N, C-alpha and C. Protein backbone atom coordinates (compact mmCIF):
# COMPACT_ATOMS: atom_id res chain seq x y z
N MET A 1 11.66 3.67 -3.48
CA MET A 1 11.68 4.37 -2.23
C MET A 1 13.10 4.54 -1.69
N LYS A 2 13.88 3.48 -1.85
CA LYS A 2 15.24 3.49 -1.34
C LYS A 2 16.05 4.64 -1.95
N GLU A 3 15.92 4.83 -3.24
CA GLU A 3 16.66 5.89 -3.93
C GLU A 3 16.19 7.27 -3.49
N LEU A 4 14.89 7.41 -3.27
CA LEU A 4 14.32 8.68 -2.84
C LEU A 4 14.91 9.12 -1.50
N ILE A 5 14.95 8.22 -0.55
CA ILE A 5 15.51 8.54 0.77
C ILE A 5 16.99 8.86 0.66
N GLU A 6 17.69 8.12 -0.18
CA GLU A 6 19.12 8.34 -0.36
C GLU A 6 19.40 9.74 -0.91
N VAL A 7 18.64 10.17 -1.90
CA VAL A 7 18.84 11.49 -2.50
C VAL A 7 18.55 12.59 -1.48
N ILE A 8 17.48 12.45 -0.74
CA ILE A 8 17.12 13.47 0.26
C ILE A 8 18.19 13.55 1.34
N ALA A 9 18.63 12.40 1.85
CA ALA A 9 19.61 12.38 2.93
C ALA A 9 20.96 12.94 2.48
N LYS A 10 21.39 12.58 1.28
CA LYS A 10 22.68 13.07 0.78
C LYS A 10 22.68 14.58 0.61
N ALA A 11 21.53 15.17 0.33
CA ALA A 11 21.43 16.62 0.19
C ALA A 11 21.52 17.32 1.54
N LEU A 12 21.19 16.62 2.61
CA LEU A 12 21.17 17.23 3.94
C LEU A 12 22.49 17.15 4.69
N VAL A 13 23.25 16.11 4.48
CA VAL A 13 24.42 15.82 5.33
C VAL A 13 25.71 16.40 4.76
N GLU A 14 26.74 16.46 5.63
CA GLU A 14 28.06 16.92 5.22
C GLU A 14 28.90 15.77 4.66
N ASN A 15 28.59 14.54 5.05
CA ASN A 15 29.32 13.36 4.58
C ASN A 15 28.39 12.47 3.75
N PRO A 16 28.11 12.84 2.51
CA PRO A 16 27.17 12.05 1.71
C PRO A 16 27.66 10.64 1.39
N ASP A 17 28.98 10.41 1.47
CA ASP A 17 29.52 9.08 1.20
C ASP A 17 29.12 8.07 2.26
N GLU A 18 28.78 8.55 3.44
CA GLU A 18 28.43 7.65 4.55
C GLU A 18 26.93 7.37 4.66
N VAL A 19 26.16 7.87 3.71
CA VAL A 19 24.71 7.62 3.71
C VAL A 19 24.46 6.24 3.10
N VAL A 20 23.79 5.38 3.88
CA VAL A 20 23.45 4.04 3.42
C VAL A 20 21.98 3.78 3.73
N VAL A 21 21.25 3.29 2.75
CA VAL A 21 19.84 2.94 2.94
C VAL A 21 19.69 1.45 2.66
N THR A 22 19.15 0.72 3.63
CA THR A 22 18.89 -0.70 3.44
C THR A 22 17.39 -0.94 3.51
N GLN A 23 16.96 -1.97 2.82
CA GLN A 23 15.52 -2.27 2.74
C GLN A 23 15.26 -3.69 3.21
N ARG A 24 14.25 -3.83 4.08
CA ARG A 24 13.78 -5.14 4.55
C ARG A 24 12.29 -5.21 4.28
N GLU A 25 11.82 -6.40 4.01
CA GLU A 25 10.37 -6.58 3.80
C GLU A 25 9.83 -7.61 4.78
N ASP A 26 8.72 -7.26 5.39
CA ASP A 26 7.98 -8.17 6.26
C ASP A 26 6.72 -8.59 5.52
N ASP A 27 5.82 -9.26 6.23
CA ASP A 27 4.55 -9.64 5.62
C ASP A 27 3.69 -8.43 5.31
N ARG A 28 3.72 -7.44 6.20
CA ARG A 28 2.83 -6.29 6.06
C ARG A 28 3.54 -4.98 5.76
N ALA A 29 4.87 -4.92 5.90
CA ALA A 29 5.55 -3.63 5.80
C ALA A 29 6.88 -3.74 5.08
N ILE A 30 7.29 -2.62 4.53
CA ILE A 30 8.63 -2.46 3.97
C ILE A 30 9.35 -1.50 4.90
N VAL A 31 10.46 -1.94 5.47
CA VAL A 31 11.23 -1.13 6.40
C VAL A 31 12.47 -0.61 5.69
N LEU A 32 12.63 0.71 5.64
CA LEU A 32 13.79 1.33 5.04
C LEU A 32 14.62 1.93 6.17
N GLU A 33 15.85 1.45 6.31
CA GLU A 33 16.74 1.93 7.37
C GLU A 33 17.74 2.90 6.78
N LEU A 34 17.79 4.10 7.34
CA LEU A 34 18.71 5.14 6.89
C LEU A 34 19.85 5.24 7.90
N HIS A 35 21.07 5.02 7.43
CA HIS A 35 22.27 5.12 8.27
C HIS A 35 23.07 6.31 7.79
N VAL A 36 23.41 7.22 8.73
CA VAL A 36 24.25 8.37 8.41
C VAL A 36 25.38 8.45 9.44
N ALA A 37 26.37 9.28 9.17
CA ALA A 37 27.45 9.49 10.12
C ALA A 37 26.89 10.09 11.41
N GLN A 38 27.53 9.76 12.52
CA GLN A 38 27.05 10.24 13.82
C GLN A 38 27.00 11.77 13.86
N SER A 39 27.96 12.43 13.22
CA SER A 39 27.99 13.90 13.23
C SER A 39 26.86 14.51 12.40
N ASP A 40 26.27 13.74 11.49
CA ASP A 40 25.18 14.24 10.65
C ASP A 40 23.80 13.87 11.16
N MET A 41 23.74 13.13 12.24
CA MET A 41 22.46 12.65 12.75
C MET A 41 21.50 13.81 13.06
N GLY A 42 22.00 14.87 13.65
CA GLY A 42 21.16 16.02 13.99
C GLY A 42 20.58 16.71 12.77
N LYS A 43 21.34 16.72 11.68
CA LYS A 43 20.86 17.37 10.46
C LYS A 43 19.73 16.58 9.82
N VAL A 44 19.78 15.26 9.95
CA VAL A 44 18.74 14.42 9.36
C VAL A 44 17.48 14.43 10.22
N ILE A 45 17.66 14.51 11.53
CA ILE A 45 16.50 14.51 12.43
C ILE A 45 15.87 15.91 12.51
N GLY A 46 16.69 16.94 12.63
CA GLY A 46 16.18 18.31 12.70
C GLY A 46 15.66 18.66 14.08
N LYS A 47 15.33 19.92 14.24
CA LYS A 47 14.80 20.38 15.53
C LYS A 47 13.45 19.75 15.78
N GLN A 48 13.33 19.12 16.93
CA GLN A 48 12.10 18.43 17.36
C GLN A 48 11.63 17.40 16.33
N GLY A 49 12.56 16.87 15.53
CA GLY A 49 12.23 15.82 14.58
C GLY A 49 11.49 16.27 13.35
N ARG A 50 11.55 17.55 13.05
CA ARG A 50 10.78 18.08 11.92
C ARG A 50 11.27 17.55 10.57
N ILE A 51 12.57 17.47 10.37
CA ILE A 51 13.10 16.99 9.09
C ILE A 51 12.81 15.51 8.93
N ALA A 52 12.98 14.74 10.00
CA ALA A 52 12.68 13.30 9.95
C ALA A 52 11.20 13.09 9.62
N LYS A 53 10.34 13.88 10.21
CA LYS A 53 8.91 13.77 9.94
C LYS A 53 8.60 14.14 8.49
N ALA A 54 9.30 15.14 7.96
CA ALA A 54 9.10 15.54 6.57
C ALA A 54 9.56 14.44 5.61
N ILE A 55 10.68 13.81 5.92
CA ILE A 55 11.17 12.70 5.09
C ILE A 55 10.14 11.57 5.09
N ARG A 56 9.61 11.24 6.26
CA ARG A 56 8.61 10.18 6.35
C ARG A 56 7.34 10.55 5.58
N SER A 57 6.95 11.82 5.61
CA SER A 57 5.76 12.26 4.88
C SER A 57 5.95 12.14 3.37
N VAL A 58 7.13 12.51 2.88
CA VAL A 58 7.41 12.41 1.45
C VAL A 58 7.39 10.95 1.01
N VAL A 59 8.00 10.08 1.81
CA VAL A 59 8.03 8.66 1.47
C VAL A 59 6.62 8.07 1.52
N LYS A 60 5.83 8.50 2.49
CA LYS A 60 4.45 8.00 2.58
C LYS A 60 3.65 8.41 1.35
N ALA A 61 3.83 9.64 0.90
CA ALA A 61 3.12 10.11 -0.29
C ALA A 61 3.60 9.37 -1.54
N ALA A 62 4.89 9.10 -1.62
CA ALA A 62 5.44 8.41 -2.79
C ALA A 62 5.03 6.94 -2.83
N SER A 63 4.72 6.38 -1.66
CA SER A 63 4.39 4.96 -1.58
C SER A 63 2.89 4.73 -1.49
N ALA A 64 2.10 5.69 -1.90
CA ALA A 64 0.65 5.57 -1.77
C ALA A 64 0.09 4.39 -2.55
N LYS A 65 0.73 4.01 -3.65
CA LYS A 65 0.23 2.91 -4.45
C LYS A 65 0.71 1.54 -3.97
N GLU A 66 1.63 1.53 -3.02
CA GLU A 66 2.12 0.26 -2.47
C GLU A 66 1.01 -0.40 -1.64
N THR A 67 0.99 -1.71 -1.65
CA THR A 67 0.01 -2.43 -0.84
C THR A 67 0.49 -2.58 0.59
N LYS A 68 1.80 -2.45 0.80
CA LYS A 68 2.37 -2.59 2.14
C LYS A 68 2.68 -1.22 2.72
N LYS A 69 2.72 -1.16 4.04
CA LYS A 69 3.07 0.06 4.74
C LYS A 69 4.58 0.26 4.63
N VAL A 70 5.03 1.50 4.43
CA VAL A 70 6.46 1.79 4.33
C VAL A 70 6.88 2.53 5.59
N ILE A 71 7.90 1.99 6.26
CA ILE A 71 8.41 2.56 7.51
C ILE A 71 9.83 3.05 7.28
N VAL A 72 10.13 4.28 7.70
CA VAL A 72 11.48 4.83 7.60
C VAL A 72 12.08 4.84 8.99
N ASP A 73 13.20 4.14 9.15
CA ASP A 73 13.90 4.04 10.43
C ASP A 73 15.25 4.74 10.28
N ILE A 74 15.48 5.79 11.07
CA ILE A 74 16.73 6.55 10.99
C ILE A 74 17.66 6.07 12.10
N GLN A 75 18.86 5.65 11.68
CA GLN A 75 19.82 5.13 12.67
C GLN A 75 21.14 5.82 12.53
């Protein structure tokens, strides 16, 4: 999942070197934190959050076989 988010985010932003994805695991969930440059934040979120929602949908579909819930946190 981590690599998937990284590839998608790097394709969207102007500063792909500043894209960092970290992964944390809880008892029930896997939390993936996406960090991008402040100037690229709008490109990752999109108008009314449409791109962020699309990223979350793709990750949810890719993680269908996981037993834990996968959460994407954009920072």
